[in-house]
Protein backbone atom coordinates (compact mmCIF):
# COMPACT_ATOMS: atom_id res chain seq x y z
CA MET A 1 37.94 -17.49 24.00
CA LYS A 2 38.07 -19.03 27.45
CA ILE A 3 34.64 -18.05 28.20
CA ILE A 4 33.59 -20.32 25.14
CA LYS A 5 35.64 -22.93 26.08
CA GLN A 6 34.24 -22.55 29.62
CA LEU A 7 30.62 -22.51 28.13
CA SER A 8 31.16 -25.40 25.91
CA SER A 9 32.59 -27.80 28.89
CA GLY A 10 30.70 -26.36 31.90
CA LEU A 11 27.07 -26.43 29.89
CA SER A 12 28.07 -29.24 27.76
CA VAL A 13 26.69 -26.96 25.02
CA SER A 14 27.91 -28.91 21.61
CA SER A 15 30.77 -26.63 20.20
CA ILE A 16 28.74 -25.69 16.90
CA LEU A 17 26.26 -23.73 19.06
CA VAL A 18 29.52 -21.88 20.82
CA ASN A 19 31.21 -21.17 17.58
CA LYS A 20 31.67 -17.65 17.23
CA TYR A 21 30.49 -17.37 13.87
CA VAL A 22 27.28 -18.87 14.97
CA ILE A 23 27.16 -16.49 17.68
CA VAL A 24 27.88 -13.34 15.68
CA THR A 25 25.48 -14.73 12.60
CA ALA A 26 22.94 -14.85 15.45
CA VAL A 27 23.45 -11.34 16.93
CA PHE A 28 23.37 -10.11 13.34
CA PHE A 29 20.34 -11.13 12.41
CA ILE A 30 18.68 -10.18 15.94
CA TRP A 31 20.23 -6.82 15.19
CA LEU A 32 18.57 -6.83 11.95
CA LEU A 33 14.91 -8.10 12.93
CA ILE A 34 15.13 -5.60 16.06
CA PHE A 35 17.14 -2.60 16.08
CA ASP A 36 17.98 -1.99 12.67
CA LYS A 37 16.46 1.45 10.57
CA HIS A 38 15.12 -1.05 8.29
CA ASN A 39 13.85 -3.56 10.89
CA TYR A 40 10.96 -5.75 10.14
CA MET A 41 8.48 -4.04 11.33
CA THR A 42 9.52 -1.36 9.03
CA GLN A 43 9.25 -3.23 6.20
CA LYS A 44 6.01 -4.47 6.91
CA LYS A 45 4.57 -1.16 7.33
CA LEU A 46 6.10 -0.24 4.05
CA ALA A 47 5.02 -3.10 2.41
CA GLN A 48 1.25 -2.53 3.37
CA THR A 49 1.79 1.35 2.20
CA ILE A 50 2.58 -0.39 -0.90
CA ASP A 51 -0.55 -2.31 -1.42
CA ASN A 52 -2.87 0.26 -0.44
CA LEU A 53 -1.51 2.54 -3.05
CA LYS A 54 -1.78 -0.29 -5.51
CA VAL A 55 -5.48 -0.23 -4.36
CA GLU A 56 -5.68 3.35 -4.85
CA LYS A 57 -4.00 3.30 -8.03
CA GLN A 58 -6.32 1.05 -9.24
CA LYS A 59 -9.28 3.04 -8.48
CA TYR A 60 -8.22 5.85 -9.88
CA ILE A 61 -7.71 3.93 -13.45
CA ASP A 62 -11.07 3.28 -13.33
CA LEU A 63 -12.01 6.78 -12.34
CA LEU A 64 -9.93 8.09 -15.34
CA GLU A 65 -11.71 5.38 -17.61
CA GLU A 66 -15.15 6.76 -16.53
CA VAL A 67 -14.21 10.27 -16.85
CA LYS A 68 -13.00 9.50 -20.34
CA PHE A 69 -16.37 8.38 -21.56
CA GLU A 70 -18.04 11.23 -19.99
CA LYS A 71 -16.05 13.50 -22.18
CA ILE A 72 -16.61 11.72 -25.31
CA ASP A 73 -20.03 12.15 -24.41
CA LEU A 74 -19.90 15.71 -23.74
CA ASP A 75 -18.24 16.20 -27.01
CA LYS A 76 -20.87 14.76 -28.88
CA ASN A 77 -24.02 16.20 -26.88
CA LYS A 78 -23.20 19.33 -25.34
CA GLU A 79 -26.50 20.63 -24.76
CA LYS A 80 -27.68 17.06 -23.41
CA TYR A 81 -25.02 17.51 -20.75
CA ALA A 82 -25.81 21.06 -19.84
CA ARG A 83 -29.76 20.14 -19.18
CA GLU A 84 -28.64 16.91 -17.31
CA HIS A 85 -25.95 18.56 -15.14
CA TYR A 86 -26.42 22.30 -15.03
CA TYR A 87 -30.61 22.07 -15.21
CA MET A 88 -30.32 24.49 -18.06
CA HIS A 89 -33.61 25.15 -20.29
CA LYS A 90 -34.66 27.22 -22.79
CA GLU A 91 -37.53 30.02 -22.71
CA ASN A 92 -40.85 29.12 -22.10
CA GLU A 93 -39.83 25.65 -21.38
CA GLU A 94 -40.21 24.23 -17.77
CA VAL A 95 -37.53 21.51 -16.49
CA PHE A 96 -38.89 18.69 -14.28
CA ILE A 97 -36.33 16.80 -11.77
CA PHE A 98 -36.78 13.07 -10.67
CA ASP A 99 -35.01 11.91 -7.86
CA ARG A 100 -33.99 8.09 -8.97
CA ASN A 101 -33.36 7.24 -4.85
């Protein structure tokens, strides 16, 4: 208490800034921002990780839709699928592969 009175009288700091509650609150926020296990940088990294995972989730949802479409196509035309993907052919039949690039 004597230190606070000396600070406020000697340095002419207002009593609001030297109030023990303000000092404790300021120390608490500094502790939370820098030293705590759940500090600001950790929270920022976790938020970035969550954003990356959301993007990856959307990518996999889109890929799932594409695979569902291919499954329906496979169920309808098994012979066409085997010929296109595995280059299967009947006897006395020639297969020509065209590169679209």
